[in-house]
Amino acid sequence: MHTSTRPSAWADWAKNYPTPLPPAPEQTFEHFYLSLQAAASGLGVAMGPRALVHDDLEAGRLTAPLGFRPDGSTYLLMTPLPARDDRVTALVSWLREQAQGNA
């Protein structure tokens, strides 16, 4: 299963594996979340960010048979300047802690 937001995700992933992917029916969803829900419902195989599949992995609804690999994507936190609000500072600290725990 594919997602509209990352149409080349499977092709990019396959570049890291010597065995080509077997042909299979394809279905495209608008967002990773929807493709992951379809996979958890048994409709096929999907890929997605670790943060989106963490709970499903822990609960045994999904599995990552080949683990996770960096794909070069980057996520940014953006706020209006200046971002001096205590809540923003707390969020940035929490995000950094989470990123270090998943490295």
N, C-alpha and C. Protein backbone atom coordinates (compact mmCIF):
# COMPACT_ATOMS: atom_id res chain seq x y z
N MET A 1 0.85 -1.17 0.00
CA MET A 1 0.00 0.00 0.00
C MET A 1 0.89 1.23 0.00
N HIS A 2 0.42 2.25 -0.66
CA HIS A 2 1.18 3.48 -0.82
C HIS A 2 0.45 4.64 -0.14
N THR A 3 1.16 5.75 -0.01
CA THR A 3 0.56 6.96 0.51
C THR A 3 0.83 8.10 -0.46
N SER A 4 -0.15 8.95 -0.66
CA SER A 4 0.00 10.09 -1.57
C SER A 4 1.07 11.06 -1.12
N THR A 5 1.29 11.14 0.18
CA THR A 5 2.27 12.10 0.69
C THR A 5 3.71 11.67 0.45
N ARG A 6 3.95 10.39 0.22
CA ARG A 6 5.29 9.88 -0.08
C ARG A 6 5.20 8.82 -1.18
N PRO A 7 4.89 9.24 -2.41
CA PRO A 7 4.66 8.26 -3.48
C PRO A 7 5.87 7.40 -3.83
N SER A 8 7.07 7.86 -3.54
CA SER A 8 8.27 7.07 -3.88
C SER A 8 8.81 6.28 -2.69
N ALA A 9 8.06 6.19 -1.60
CA ALA A 9 8.57 5.54 -0.38
C ALA A 9 8.99 4.10 -0.62
N TRP A 10 8.18 3.32 -1.33
CA TRP A 10 8.54 1.92 -1.56
C TRP A 10 9.76 1.82 -2.46
N ALA A 11 9.81 2.62 -3.52
CA ALA A 11 10.97 2.58 -4.43
C ALA A 11 12.23 3.00 -3.68
N ASP A 12 12.14 4.02 -2.85
CA ASP A 12 13.30 4.46 -2.06
C ASP A 12 13.75 3.37 -1.10
N TRP A 13 12.80 2.72 -0.46
CA TRP A 13 13.11 1.64 0.47
C TRP A 13 13.77 0.49 -0.26
N ALA A 14 13.26 0.13 -1.41
CA ALA A 14 13.75 -1.02 -2.17
C ALA A 14 15.20 -0.84 -2.63
N LYS A 15 15.66 0.39 -2.76
CA LYS A 15 17.04 0.63 -3.17
C LYS A 15 18.04 0.07 -2.17
N ASN A 16 17.64 -0.13 -0.93
CA ASN A 16 18.53 -0.63 0.13
C ASN A 16 18.52 -2.15 0.25
N TYR A 17 17.73 -2.84 -0.58
CA TYR A 17 17.64 -4.28 -0.48
C TYR A 17 17.97 -4.92 -1.83
N PRO A 18 18.81 -5.96 -1.82
CA PRO A 18 19.23 -6.57 -3.08
C PRO A 18 18.13 -7.37 -3.77
N THR A 19 17.15 -7.84 -3.03
CA THR A 19 16.08 -8.64 -3.62
C THR A 19 14.94 -7.72 -4.06
N PRO A 20 14.56 -7.78 -5.33
CA PRO A 20 13.47 -6.91 -5.78
C PRO A 20 12.14 -7.28 -5.12
N LEU A 21 11.30 -6.30 -4.98
CA LEU A 21 9.97 -6.53 -4.43
C LEU A 21 9.15 -7.33 -5.43
N PRO A 22 8.40 -8.32 -4.96
CA PRO A 22 7.55 -9.07 -5.89
C PRO A 22 6.38 -8.21 -6.36
N PRO A 23 5.88 -8.46 -7.55
CA PRO A 23 4.71 -7.71 -8.00
C PRO A 23 3.53 -7.97 -7.08
N ALA A 24 2.75 -6.95 -6.85
CA ALA A 24 1.59 -7.08 -5.97
C ALA A 24 0.57 -6.01 -6.33
N PRO A 25 -0.70 -6.26 -6.03
CA PRO A 25 -1.71 -5.21 -6.25
C PRO A 25 -1.36 -3.98 -5.42
N GLU A 26 -1.68 -2.84 -5.93
CA GLU A 26 -1.35 -1.59 -5.23
C GLU A 26 -2.61 -0.81 -4.90
N GLN A 27 -2.54 -0.11 -3.78
CA GLN A 27 -3.62 0.79 -3.39
C GLN A 27 -2.96 2.01 -2.76
N THR A 28 -3.48 3.19 -3.07
CA THR A 28 -2.90 4.43 -2.54
C THR A 28 -3.88 5.10 -1.59
N PHE A 29 -3.33 5.53 -0.45
CA PHE A 29 -4.11 6.24 0.56
C PHE A 29 -3.59 7.67 0.68
N GLU A 30 -4.39 8.55 1.19
CA GLU A 30 -4.02 9.96 1.28
C GLU A 30 -2.94 10.24 2.32
N HIS A 31 -2.82 9.41 3.33
CA HIS A 31 -1.87 9.68 4.41
C HIS A 31 -1.35 8.36 4.96
N PHE A 32 -0.15 8.42 5.54
CA PHE A 32 0.44 7.23 6.16
C PHE A 32 -0.55 6.58 7.13
N TYR A 33 -1.20 7.39 7.94
CA TYR A 33 -2.09 6.85 8.96
C TYR A 33 -3.13 5.91 8.35
N LEU A 34 -3.71 6.31 7.22
CA LEU A 34 -4.75 5.49 6.60
C LEU A 34 -4.17 4.18 6.06
N SER A 35 -3.00 4.23 5.46
CA SER A 35 -2.40 3.00 4.96
C SER A 35 -2.01 2.08 6.12
N LEU A 36 -1.57 2.65 7.22
CA LEU A 36 -1.21 1.85 8.38
C LEU A 36 -2.44 1.21 9.02
N GLN A 37 -3.55 1.93 9.04
CA GLN A 37 -4.79 1.35 9.55
C GLN A 37 -5.26 0.21 8.66
N ALA A 38 -5.09 0.37 7.35
CA ALA A 38 -5.45 -0.71 6.42
C ALA A 38 -4.57 -1.93 6.66
N ALA A 39 -3.28 -1.72 6.89
CA ALA A 39 -2.37 -2.84 7.16
C ALA A 39 -2.76 -3.53 8.46
N ALA A 40 -3.06 -2.75 9.49
CA ALA A 40 -3.45 -3.32 10.79
C ALA A 40 -4.76 -4.10 10.67
N SER A 41 -5.57 -3.76 9.68
CA SER A 41 -6.83 -4.47 9.45
C SER A 41 -6.65 -5.69 8.55
N GLY A 42 -5.40 -5.93 8.12
CA GLY A 42 -5.12 -7.12 7.33
C GLY A 42 -5.29 -6.95 5.83
N LEU A 43 -5.33 -5.70 5.34
CA LEU A 43 -5.55 -5.47 3.92
C LEU A 43 -4.29 -5.50 3.07
N GLY A 44 -3.13 -5.53 3.70
CA GLY A 44 -1.90 -5.55 2.92
C GLY A 44 -0.71 -5.10 3.74
N VAL A 45 0.34 -4.73 3.03
CA VAL A 45 1.60 -4.31 3.64
C VAL A 45 1.79 -2.82 3.41
N ALA A 46 2.18 -2.11 4.45
CA ALA A 46 2.39 -0.67 4.36
C ALA A 46 3.70 -0.31 5.05
N MET A 47 4.14 0.89 4.81
CA MET A 47 5.30 1.39 5.54
C MET A 47 4.94 2.75 6.10
N GLY A 48 5.63 3.11 7.18
CA GLY A 48 5.35 4.39 7.79
C GLY A 48 6.39 4.74 8.83
N PRO A 49 6.36 5.98 9.29
CA PRO A 49 7.30 6.44 10.29
C PRO A 49 7.13 5.69 11.62
N ARG A 50 8.24 5.46 12.27
CA ARG A 50 8.22 4.76 13.56
C ARG A 50 7.26 5.41 14.55
N ALA A 51 7.22 6.73 14.57
CA ALA A 51 6.34 7.41 15.52
C ALA A 51 4.87 7.06 15.29
N LEU A 52 4.48 6.84 14.04
CA LEU A 52 3.09 6.50 13.75
C LEU A 52 2.76 5.04 14.02
N VAL A 53 3.74 4.17 14.04
CA VAL A 53 3.46 2.74 14.23
C VAL A 53 3.83 2.23 15.62
N HIS A 54 4.43 3.07 16.43
CA HIS A 54 4.92 2.65 17.74
C HIS A 54 3.87 1.91 18.55
N ASP A 55 2.69 2.52 18.72
CA ASP A 55 1.64 1.90 19.54
C ASP A 55 1.16 0.58 18.93
N ASP A 56 1.02 0.53 17.61
CA ASP A 56 0.59 -0.70 16.95
C ASP A 56 1.64 -1.80 17.07
N LEU A 57 2.91 -1.43 17.05
CA LEU A 57 3.98 -2.42 17.25
C LEU A 57 3.93 -2.96 18.67
N GLU A 58 3.80 -2.07 19.63
CA GLU A 58 3.75 -2.47 21.04
C GLU A 58 2.56 -3.37 21.32
N ALA A 59 1.42 -3.09 20.68
CA ALA A 59 0.20 -3.87 20.91
C ALA A 59 0.16 -5.15 20.07
N GLY A 60 1.11 -5.31 19.16
CA GLY A 60 1.14 -6.51 18.32
C GLY A 60 0.21 -6.46 17.12
N ARG A 61 -0.37 -5.28 16.83
CA ARG A 61 -1.25 -5.16 15.66
C ARG A 61 -0.44 -5.10 14.37
N LEU A 62 0.79 -4.60 14.45
CA LEU A 62 1.70 -4.53 13.30
C LEU A 62 3.05 -5.08 13.72
N THR A 63 3.85 -5.44 12.73
CA THR A 63 5.21 -5.88 12.98
C THR A 63 6.11 -5.21 11.96
N ALA A 64 7.36 -5.02 12.32
CA ALA A 64 8.35 -4.45 11.40
C ALA A 64 9.38 -5.54 11.13
N PRO A 65 9.09 -6.46 10.21
CA PRO A 65 9.95 -7.63 10.03
C PRO A 65 11.39 -7.31 9.62
N LEU A 66 11.60 -6.18 9.00
CA LEU A 66 12.96 -5.80 8.60
C LEU A 66 13.49 -4.60 9.38
N GLY A 67 12.79 -4.23 10.43
CA GLY A 67 13.23 -3.12 11.26
C GLY A 67 13.00 -1.78 10.59
N PHE A 68 13.70 -0.78 11.08
CA PHE A 68 13.57 0.59 10.58
C PHE A 68 14.91 1.06 10.06
N ARG A 69 14.88 1.87 9.03
CA ARG A 69 16.09 2.44 8.46
C ARG A 69 15.87 3.94 8.25
N PRO A 70 16.90 4.73 8.46
CA PRO A 70 16.77 6.17 8.16
C PRO A 70 16.49 6.35 6.67
N ASP A 71 15.62 7.30 6.35
CA ASP A 71 15.32 7.55 4.95
C ASP A 71 15.67 8.96 4.50
N GLY A 72 16.29 9.71 5.39
CA GLY A 72 16.70 11.06 5.03
C GLY A 72 15.62 12.11 5.21
N SER A 73 14.43 11.71 5.65
CA SER A 73 13.39 12.72 5.85
C SER A 73 13.66 13.51 7.12
N THR A 74 13.17 14.71 7.14
CA THR A 74 13.39 15.61 8.26
C THR A 74 12.07 16.25 8.65
N TYR A 75 11.85 16.37 9.94
CA TYR A 75 10.67 17.05 10.44
C TYR A 75 11.12 18.31 11.17
N LEU A 76 10.40 19.39 10.96
CA LEU A 76 10.76 20.67 11.55
C LEU A 76 9.62 21.19 12.42
N LEU A 77 9.98 21.83 13.51
CA LEU A 77 9.02 22.51 14.36
C LEU A 77 9.13 23.99 14.04
N MET A 78 8.02 24.59 13.62
CA MET A 78 8.06 26.00 13.25
C MET A 78 7.05 26.77 14.08
N THR A 79 7.46 27.95 14.53
CA THR A 79 6.59 28.83 15.30
C THR A 79 6.83 30.26 14.83
N PRO A 80 5.88 31.12 15.11
CA PRO A 80 6.13 32.54 14.80
C PRO A 80 7.28 33.05 15.67
N LEU A 81 8.06 33.92 15.14
CA LEU A 81 9.18 34.49 15.92
C LEU A 81 8.66 35.58 16.82
N PRO A 82 9.17 35.76 17.99
CA PRO A 82 10.03 34.83 18.71
C PRO A 82 9.18 33.79 19.43
N ALA A 83 9.72 32.62 19.60
CA ALA A 83 9.02 31.52 20.27
C ALA A 83 9.49 31.44 21.71
N ARG A 84 9.01 32.35 22.52
CA ARG A 84 9.46 32.41 23.92
C ARG A 84 8.42 31.87 24.90
N ASP A 85 7.33 31.40 24.39
CA ASP A 85 6.27 30.86 25.23
C ASP A 85 6.79 29.64 25.97
N ASP A 86 6.50 29.53 27.27
CA ASP A 86 6.96 28.40 28.08
C ASP A 86 6.46 27.07 27.54
N ARG A 87 5.26 27.07 26.96
CA ARG A 87 4.72 25.82 26.41
C ARG A 87 5.54 25.36 25.20
N VAL A 88 5.99 26.31 24.39
CA VAL A 88 6.81 25.96 23.22
C VAL A 88 8.16 25.43 23.69
N THR A 89 8.74 26.08 24.68
CA THR A 89 10.02 25.64 25.23
C THR A 89 9.89 24.22 25.79
N ALA A 90 8.81 23.95 26.51
CA ALA A 90 8.58 22.61 27.07
C ALA A 90 8.40 21.59 25.95
N LEU A 91 7.69 21.96 24.90
CA LEU A 91 7.49 21.05 23.77
C LEU A 91 8.82 20.72 23.09
N VAL A 92 9.64 21.74 22.86
CA VAL A 92 10.94 21.52 22.23
C VAL A 92 11.80 20.59 23.09
N SER A 93 11.81 20.79 24.38
CA SER A 93 12.58 19.92 25.28
C SER A 93 12.07 18.49 25.20
N TRP A 94 10.76 18.32 25.22
CA TRP A 94 10.18 16.98 25.15
C TRP A 94 10.52 16.30 23.82
N LEU A 95 10.41 17.02 22.72
CA LEU A 95 10.73 16.46 21.41
C LEU A 95 12.19 16.02 21.35
N ARG A 96 13.08 16.81 21.91
CA ARG A 96 14.50 16.43 21.92
C ARG A 96 14.72 15.16 22.73
N GLU A 97 14.07 15.05 23.87
CA GLU A 97 14.17 13.84 24.69
C GLU A 97 13.67 12.62 23.91
N GLN A 98 12.53 12.78 23.24
CA GLN A 98 11.97 11.68 22.46
C GLN A 98 12.90 11.26 21.32
N ALA A 99 13.48 12.24 20.67
CA ALA A 99 14.39 11.95 19.54
C ALA A 99 15.61 11.21 20.03
N GLN A 100 16.14 11.57 21.19
CA GLN A 100 17.31 10.87 21.72
C GLN A 100 16.96 9.46 22.13
N GLY A 101 15.76 9.24 22.61
CA GLY A 101 15.34 7.91 23.03
C GLY A 101 15.10 6.97 21.87
N ASN A 102 14.84 7.51 20.67
CA ASN A 102 14.56 6.69 19.50
C ASN A 102 15.74 6.60 18.55
N ALA A 103 16.86 7.17 18.93
CA ALA A 103 18.01 7.16 18.02
C ALA A 103 18.67 5.81 17.99
